[in-house]
Amino acid sequence: MLNLALGRRPKALEYKGKYRVAGNFMLRIYDSGRVFKIPSQQEIDKLREKYPELILRFHVHEGMHLSDLQGQDSYSYELANLFLGARDQEELNYKYEDCMANLTFDVAPDEVPQVR
């Protein structure tokens, strides 16, 4: 970006890492509620056997109410960040889908008060 701003031709990125593409997937939910379950260490370890580069950073813990999260946007709550690497976009998408199918979150929505 700096080279472009200075009117110079930008240099191509050098692919020095193990993976050509990487992703930071922000695992979100759009309704407020209480967290009853986050993925177990066993679930995470099983996925790390297949994807050793997997990093999972939780923003919630069991028993927490989503309204207690700090720094959230106005329409969703971020449960965790999932980081993965892959050879290409297709493989990255496959890994993401596999992780999501094997990581269990249980969030009970807030009860809506009934109008009488």
N, C-alpha and C. Protein backbone atom coordinates (compact mmCIF):
# COMPACT_ATOMS: atom_id res chain seq x y z
N MET A 1 0.82 -1.18 0.00
CA MET A 1 0.00 0.00 0.00
C MET A 1 0.87 1.26 0.00
N LEU A 2 1.96 1.20 0.76
CA LEU A 2 2.85 2.36 0.82
C LEU A 2 3.48 2.61 -0.55
N ASN A 3 3.92 1.55 -1.21
CA ASN A 3 4.49 1.71 -2.55
C ASN A 3 3.48 2.35 -3.50
N LEU A 4 2.24 1.91 -3.45
CA LEU A 4 1.20 2.50 -4.31
C LEU A 4 1.03 3.98 -4.01
N ALA A 5 0.99 4.33 -2.74
CA ALA A 5 0.81 5.72 -2.33
C ALA A 5 1.97 6.59 -2.82
N LEU A 6 3.15 5.99 -2.91
CA LEU A 6 4.33 6.74 -3.36
C LEU A 6 4.54 6.67 -4.86
N GLY A 7 3.58 6.03 -5.57
CA GLY A 7 3.65 5.97 -7.02
C GLY A 7 4.60 4.90 -7.53
N ARG A 8 4.98 3.97 -6.66
CA ARG A 8 5.89 2.89 -7.07
C ARG A 8 5.10 1.60 -7.29
N ARG A 9 5.70 0.73 -8.08
CA ARG A 9 5.08 -0.58 -8.34
C ARG A 9 5.18 -1.42 -7.06
N PRO A 10 4.05 -1.98 -6.60
CA PRO A 10 4.09 -2.79 -5.37
C PRO A 10 4.78 -4.13 -5.61
N LYS A 11 5.43 -4.62 -4.57
CA LYS A 11 6.06 -5.93 -4.63
C LYS A 11 5.02 -7.01 -4.36
N ALA A 12 5.15 -8.14 -5.05
CA ALA A 12 4.28 -9.28 -4.79
C ALA A 12 4.63 -9.88 -3.44
N LEU A 13 3.62 -10.43 -2.79
CA LEU A 13 3.86 -11.08 -1.50
C LEU A 13 4.73 -12.31 -1.69
N GLU A 14 5.60 -12.55 -0.75
CA GLU A 14 6.40 -13.76 -0.77
C GLU A 14 5.72 -14.80 0.09
N TYR A 15 5.43 -15.94 -0.48
CA TYR A 15 4.76 -17.00 0.25
C TYR A 15 5.80 -17.82 1.01
N LYS A 16 6.11 -17.40 2.23
CA LYS A 16 7.12 -18.07 3.02
C LYS A 16 6.52 -18.99 4.07
N GLY A 17 5.23 -18.88 4.30
CA GLY A 17 4.59 -19.68 5.34
C GLY A 17 4.26 -21.09 4.86
N LYS A 18 3.78 -21.88 5.77
CA LYS A 18 3.42 -23.27 5.46
C LYS A 18 2.16 -23.33 4.59
N TYR A 19 1.28 -22.33 4.73
CA TYR A 19 0.01 -22.32 4.01
C TYR A 19 -0.07 -21.10 3.09
N ARG A 20 -0.70 -21.29 1.93
CA ARG A 20 -0.87 -20.16 0.99
C ARG A 20 -1.98 -19.22 1.42
N VAL A 21 -3.01 -19.76 2.08
CA VAL A 21 -4.13 -18.93 2.54
C VAL A 21 -4.40 -19.24 4.02
N ALA A 22 -4.97 -18.28 4.69
CA ALA A 22 -5.33 -18.45 6.10
C ALA A 22 -6.62 -17.69 6.35
N GLY A 23 -7.33 -18.10 7.38
CA GLY A 23 -8.58 -17.44 7.70
C GLY A 23 -8.76 -17.26 9.19
N ASN A 24 -9.38 -16.14 9.54
CA ASN A 24 -9.82 -15.86 10.90
C ASN A 24 -11.33 -15.81 10.82
N PHE A 25 -11.97 -16.85 11.32
CA PHE A 25 -13.42 -16.95 11.27
C PHE A 25 -13.98 -16.50 12.62
N MET A 26 -14.82 -15.49 12.58
CA MET A 26 -15.42 -14.95 13.80
C MET A 26 -16.75 -15.68 14.02
N LEU A 27 -16.78 -16.56 15.01
CA LEU A 27 -17.97 -17.37 15.26
C LEU A 27 -18.97 -16.52 16.04
N ARG A 28 -20.10 -16.23 15.39
CA ARG A 28 -21.07 -15.27 15.93
C ARG A 28 -22.43 -15.90 16.12
N ILE A 29 -23.20 -15.26 17.00
CA ILE A 29 -24.60 -15.59 17.19
C ILE A 29 -25.34 -14.26 17.20
N TYR A 30 -26.58 -14.28 16.75
CA TYR A 30 -27.29 -13.02 16.54
C TYR A 30 -28.40 -12.75 17.56
N ASP A 31 -28.61 -13.66 18.49
CA ASP A 31 -29.61 -13.44 19.53
C ASP A 31 -28.94 -13.56 20.89
N SER A 32 -29.37 -12.71 21.81
CA SER A 32 -28.81 -12.74 23.15
C SER A 32 -29.25 -14.00 23.88
N GLY A 33 -28.48 -14.41 24.86
CA GLY A 33 -28.81 -15.59 25.64
C GLY A 33 -27.70 -15.95 26.60
N ARG A 34 -27.86 -17.11 27.24
CA ARG A 34 -26.87 -17.61 28.19
C ARG A 34 -26.14 -18.80 27.56
N VAL A 35 -24.83 -18.82 27.75
CA VAL A 35 -23.99 -19.90 27.20
C VAL A 35 -24.05 -21.09 28.16
N PHE A 36 -24.52 -22.22 27.66
CA PHE A 36 -24.59 -23.42 28.48
C PHE A 36 -23.47 -24.40 28.17
N LYS A 37 -22.93 -24.34 26.94
CA LYS A 37 -21.84 -25.26 26.58
C LYS A 37 -20.97 -24.61 25.52
N ILE A 38 -19.66 -24.76 25.71
CA ILE A 38 -18.69 -24.42 24.67
C ILE A 38 -17.98 -25.72 24.28
N PRO A 39 -17.29 -25.74 23.15
CA PRO A 39 -16.62 -26.97 22.73
C PRO A 39 -15.67 -27.50 23.81
N SER A 40 -15.71 -28.81 24.00
CA SER A 40 -14.85 -29.45 25.00
C SER A 40 -13.42 -29.56 24.49
N GLN A 41 -12.50 -29.77 25.41
CA GLN A 41 -11.10 -29.96 25.02
C GLN A 41 -10.97 -31.18 24.13
N GLN A 42 -11.80 -32.20 24.37
CA GLN A 42 -11.77 -33.41 23.55
C GLN A 42 -12.17 -33.08 22.10
N GLU A 43 -13.20 -32.26 21.91
CA GLU A 43 -13.60 -31.86 20.56
C GLU A 43 -12.47 -31.10 19.85
N ILE A 44 -11.85 -30.20 20.59
CA ILE A 44 -10.77 -29.38 20.03
C ILE A 44 -9.57 -30.26 19.69
N ASP A 45 -9.18 -31.16 20.61
CA ASP A 45 -8.04 -32.04 20.37
C ASP A 45 -8.26 -32.93 19.15
N LYS A 46 -9.48 -33.43 18.99
CA LYS A 46 -9.79 -34.29 17.84
C LYS A 46 -9.60 -33.53 16.54
N LEU A 47 -10.05 -32.27 16.51
CA LEU A 47 -9.86 -31.46 15.30
C LEU A 47 -8.39 -31.10 15.08
N ARG A 48 -7.65 -30.87 16.16
CA ARG A 48 -6.23 -30.52 16.03
C ARG A 48 -5.42 -31.70 15.50
N GLU A 49 -5.90 -32.92 15.71
CA GLU A 49 -5.22 -34.08 15.11
C GLU A 49 -5.29 -33.98 13.59
N LYS A 50 -6.42 -33.51 13.06
CA LYS A 50 -6.58 -33.35 11.61
C LYS A 50 -5.97 -32.05 11.11
N TYR A 51 -6.09 -30.98 11.91
CA TYR A 51 -5.65 -29.65 11.52
C TYR A 51 -4.75 -29.06 12.61
N PRO A 52 -3.47 -29.43 12.61
CA PRO A 52 -2.58 -28.99 13.69
C PRO A 52 -2.43 -27.48 13.80
N GLU A 53 -2.72 -26.75 12.72
CA GLU A 53 -2.60 -25.29 12.76
C GLU A 53 -3.78 -24.62 13.43
N LEU A 54 -4.84 -25.35 13.72
CA LEU A 54 -6.06 -24.78 14.28
C LEU A 54 -5.79 -24.06 15.59
N ILE A 55 -6.29 -22.84 15.67
CA ILE A 55 -6.25 -22.07 16.92
C ILE A 55 -7.69 -21.63 17.18
N LEU A 56 -8.15 -21.81 18.40
CA LEU A 56 -9.50 -21.43 18.78
C LEU A 56 -9.41 -20.54 20.01
N ARG A 57 -9.88 -19.30 19.90
CA ARG A 57 -9.84 -18.33 21.00
C ARG A 57 -11.28 -18.02 21.41
N PHE A 58 -11.64 -18.44 22.62
CA PHE A 58 -12.99 -18.21 23.12
C PHE A 58 -13.14 -16.83 23.73
N HIS A 59 -14.31 -16.23 23.52
CA HIS A 59 -14.66 -14.96 24.15
C HIS A 59 -15.73 -15.17 25.23
N VAL A 60 -16.24 -16.39 25.30
CA VAL A 60 -17.30 -16.72 26.26
C VAL A 60 -16.89 -17.93 27.08
N HIS A 61 -17.60 -18.14 28.18
CA HIS A 61 -17.42 -19.35 28.99
C HIS A 61 -18.80 -19.83 29.41
N GLU A 62 -18.86 -21.07 29.84
CA GLU A 62 -20.13 -21.65 30.25
C GLU A 62 -20.70 -20.87 31.43
N GLY A 63 -21.99 -20.59 31.36
CA GLY A 63 -22.68 -19.85 32.40
C GLY A 63 -22.75 -18.35 32.13
N MET A 64 -21.99 -17.88 31.18
CA MET A 64 -21.92 -16.45 30.87
C MET A 64 -23.15 -16.00 30.08
N HIS A 65 -23.61 -14.79 30.35
CA HIS A 65 -24.67 -14.20 29.54
C HIS A 65 -24.02 -13.36 28.46
N LEU A 66 -24.52 -13.50 27.22
CA LEU A 66 -23.90 -12.80 26.10
C LEU A 66 -23.92 -11.28 26.26
N SER A 67 -24.88 -10.77 27.00
CA SER A 67 -24.93 -9.32 27.21
C SER A 67 -23.75 -8.83 28.06
N ASP A 68 -23.02 -9.75 28.72
CA ASP A 68 -21.85 -9.37 29.51
C ASP A 68 -20.59 -9.20 28.67
N LEU A 69 -20.64 -9.59 27.39
CA LEU A 69 -19.49 -9.44 26.51
C LEU A 69 -19.20 -7.96 26.27
N GLN A 70 -17.94 -7.61 26.24
CA GLN A 70 -17.52 -6.24 25.97
C GLN A 70 -17.15 -6.09 24.50
N GLY A 71 -17.31 -4.89 23.97
CA GLY A 71 -16.83 -4.58 22.64
C GLY A 71 -17.56 -5.27 21.51
N GLN A 72 -18.82 -5.58 21.68
CA GLN A 72 -19.58 -6.26 20.63
C GLN A 72 -20.27 -5.23 19.74
N ASP A 73 -20.62 -5.66 18.53
CA ASP A 73 -21.36 -4.75 17.67
C ASP A 73 -22.84 -4.74 18.08
N SER A 74 -23.64 -4.01 17.39
CA SER A 74 -25.02 -3.80 17.83
C SER A 74 -25.98 -4.92 17.41
N TYR A 75 -25.53 -5.88 16.62
CA TYR A 75 -26.45 -6.89 16.12
C TYR A 75 -25.99 -8.33 16.32
N SER A 76 -24.81 -8.57 16.90
CA SER A 76 -24.36 -9.94 17.09
C SER A 76 -23.38 -10.04 18.26
N TYR A 77 -23.11 -11.27 18.66
CA TYR A 77 -22.18 -11.56 19.75
C TYR A 77 -21.13 -12.52 19.22
N GLU A 78 -19.85 -12.21 19.45
CA GLU A 78 -18.76 -13.06 18.98
C GLU A 78 -18.43 -14.08 20.05
N LEU A 79 -18.65 -15.36 19.74
CA LEU A 79 -18.39 -16.45 20.68
C LEU A 79 -16.91 -16.82 20.72
N ALA A 80 -16.27 -16.83 19.55
CA ALA A 80 -14.88 -17.28 19.47
C ALA A 80 -14.29 -16.87 18.12
N ASN A 81 -12.97 -16.97 18.02
CA ASN A 81 -12.25 -16.82 16.76
C ASN A 81 -11.62 -18.17 16.43
N LEU A 82 -11.78 -18.57 15.18
CA LEU A 82 -11.23 -19.83 14.69
C LEU A 82 -10.22 -19.49 13.60
N PHE A 83 -8.96 -19.87 13.80
CA PHE A 83 -7.90 -19.58 12.85
C PHE A 83 -7.48 -20.89 12.18
N LEU A 84 -7.38 -20.87 10.84
CA LEU A 84 -6.99 -22.04 10.07
C LEU A 84 -6.10 -21.63 8.91
N GLY A 85 -5.29 -22.56 8.43
CA GLY A 85 -4.48 -22.37 7.24
C GLY A 85 -4.78 -23.46 6.24
N ALA A 86 -4.53 -23.19 4.93
CA ALA A 86 -4.83 -24.18 3.90
C ALA A 86 -4.02 -23.88 2.64
N ARG A 87 -4.07 -24.83 1.70
CA ARG A 87 -3.39 -24.66 0.40
C ARG A 87 -4.12 -23.65 -0.48
N ASP A 88 -5.48 -23.67 -0.40
CA ASP A 88 -6.28 -22.78 -1.24
C ASP A 88 -7.62 -22.50 -0.56
N GLN A 89 -8.41 -21.65 -1.19
CA GLN A 89 -9.69 -21.24 -0.61
C GLN A 89 -10.64 -22.42 -0.44
N GLU A 90 -10.65 -23.33 -1.38
CA GLU A 90 -11.53 -24.51 -1.30
C GLU A 90 -11.19 -25.36 -0.08
N GLU A 91 -9.91 -25.60 0.15
CA GLU A 91 -9.50 -26.38 1.32
C GLU A 91 -9.82 -25.63 2.61
N LEU A 92 -9.62 -24.33 2.61
CA LEU A 92 -9.92 -23.53 3.79
C LEU A 92 -11.41 -23.62 4.13
N ASN A 93 -12.26 -23.50 3.12
CA ASN A 93 -13.71 -23.62 3.34
C ASN A 93 -14.08 -25.00 3.87
N TYR A 94 -13.45 -26.04 3.32
CA TYR A 94 -13.72 -27.41 3.79
C TYR A 94 -13.35 -27.56 5.27
N LYS A 95 -12.17 -27.07 5.63
CA LYS A 95 -11.72 -27.17 7.03
C LYS A 95 -12.67 -26.41 7.96
N TYR A 96 -13.08 -25.22 7.54
CA TYR A 96 -14.01 -24.44 8.35
C TYR A 96 -15.32 -25.19 8.57
N GLU A 97 -15.89 -25.71 7.49
CA GLU A 97 -17.16 -26.45 7.60
C GLU A 97 -17.00 -27.68 8.50
N ASP A 98 -15.88 -28.37 8.38
CA ASP A 98 -15.63 -29.55 9.22
C ASP A 98 -15.53 -29.15 10.68
N CYS A 99 -14.83 -28.07 10.95
CA CYS A 99 -14.71 -27.60 12.34
C CYS A 99 -16.08 -27.23 12.90
N MET A 100 -16.86 -26.48 12.13
CA MET A 100 -18.17 -26.05 12.61
C MET A 100 -19.09 -27.24 12.87
N ALA A 101 -18.96 -28.29 12.09
CA ALA A 101 -19.79 -29.49 12.28
C ALA A 101 -19.37 -30.27 13.52
N ASN A 102 -18.16 -30.01 14.03
CA ASN A 102 -17.64 -30.80 15.14
C ASN A 102 -17.33 -30.00 16.39
N LEU A 103 -17.72 -28.73 16.42
CA LEU A 103 -17.57 -27.91 17.62
C LEU A 103 -18.97 -27.56 18.13
N THR A 104 -19.24 -27.87 19.39
CA THR A 104 -20.57 -27.70 19.94
C THR A 104 -20.67 -26.49 20.85
N PHE A 105 -21.51 -25.55 20.45
CA PHE A 105 -21.89 -24.42 21.30
C PHE A 105 -23.37 -24.60 21.63
N ASP A 106 -23.76 -24.33 22.86
CA ASP A 106 -25.17 -24.35 23.24
C ASP A 106 -25.47 -23.04 23.95
N VAL A 107 -26.26 -22.21 23.29
CA VAL A 107 -26.65 -20.92 23.85
C VAL A 107 -28.17 -20.89 23.88
N ALA A 108 -28.73 -20.74 25.09
CA ALA A 108 -30.18 -20.67 25.23
C ALA A 108 -30.61 -19.21 25.09
N PRO A 109 -31.54 -18.95 24.18
CA PRO A 109 -31.97 -17.56 23.98
C PRO A 109 -32.71 -17.02 25.19
N ASP A 110 -32.64 -15.70 25.32
CA ASP A 110 -33.41 -15.04 26.38
C ASP A 110 -34.89 -15.26 26.12
N GLU A 111 -35.64 -15.40 27.22
CA GLU A 111 -37.09 -15.54 27.06
C GLU A 111 -37.67 -14.16 26.75
N VAL A 112 -38.58 -14.13 25.81
CA VAL A 112 -39.24 -12.88 25.45
C VAL A 112 -40.43 -12.71 26.39
N PRO A 113 -40.51 -11.58 27.09
CA PRO A 113 -41.63 -11.38 27.99
C PRO A 113 -42.94 -11.32 27.21
N GLN A 114 -43.94 -11.98 27.77
CA GLN A 114 -45.26 -11.99 27.12
C GLN A 114 -46.05 -10.77 27.55
N VAL A 115 -46.70 -10.17 26.57
CA VAL A 115 -47.54 -9.01 26.86
C VAL A 115 -48.93 -9.53 27.23
N ARG A 116 -49.45 -9.03 28.33
CA ARG A 116 -50.78 -9.51 28.76
C ARG A 116 -51.77 -8.39 28.71
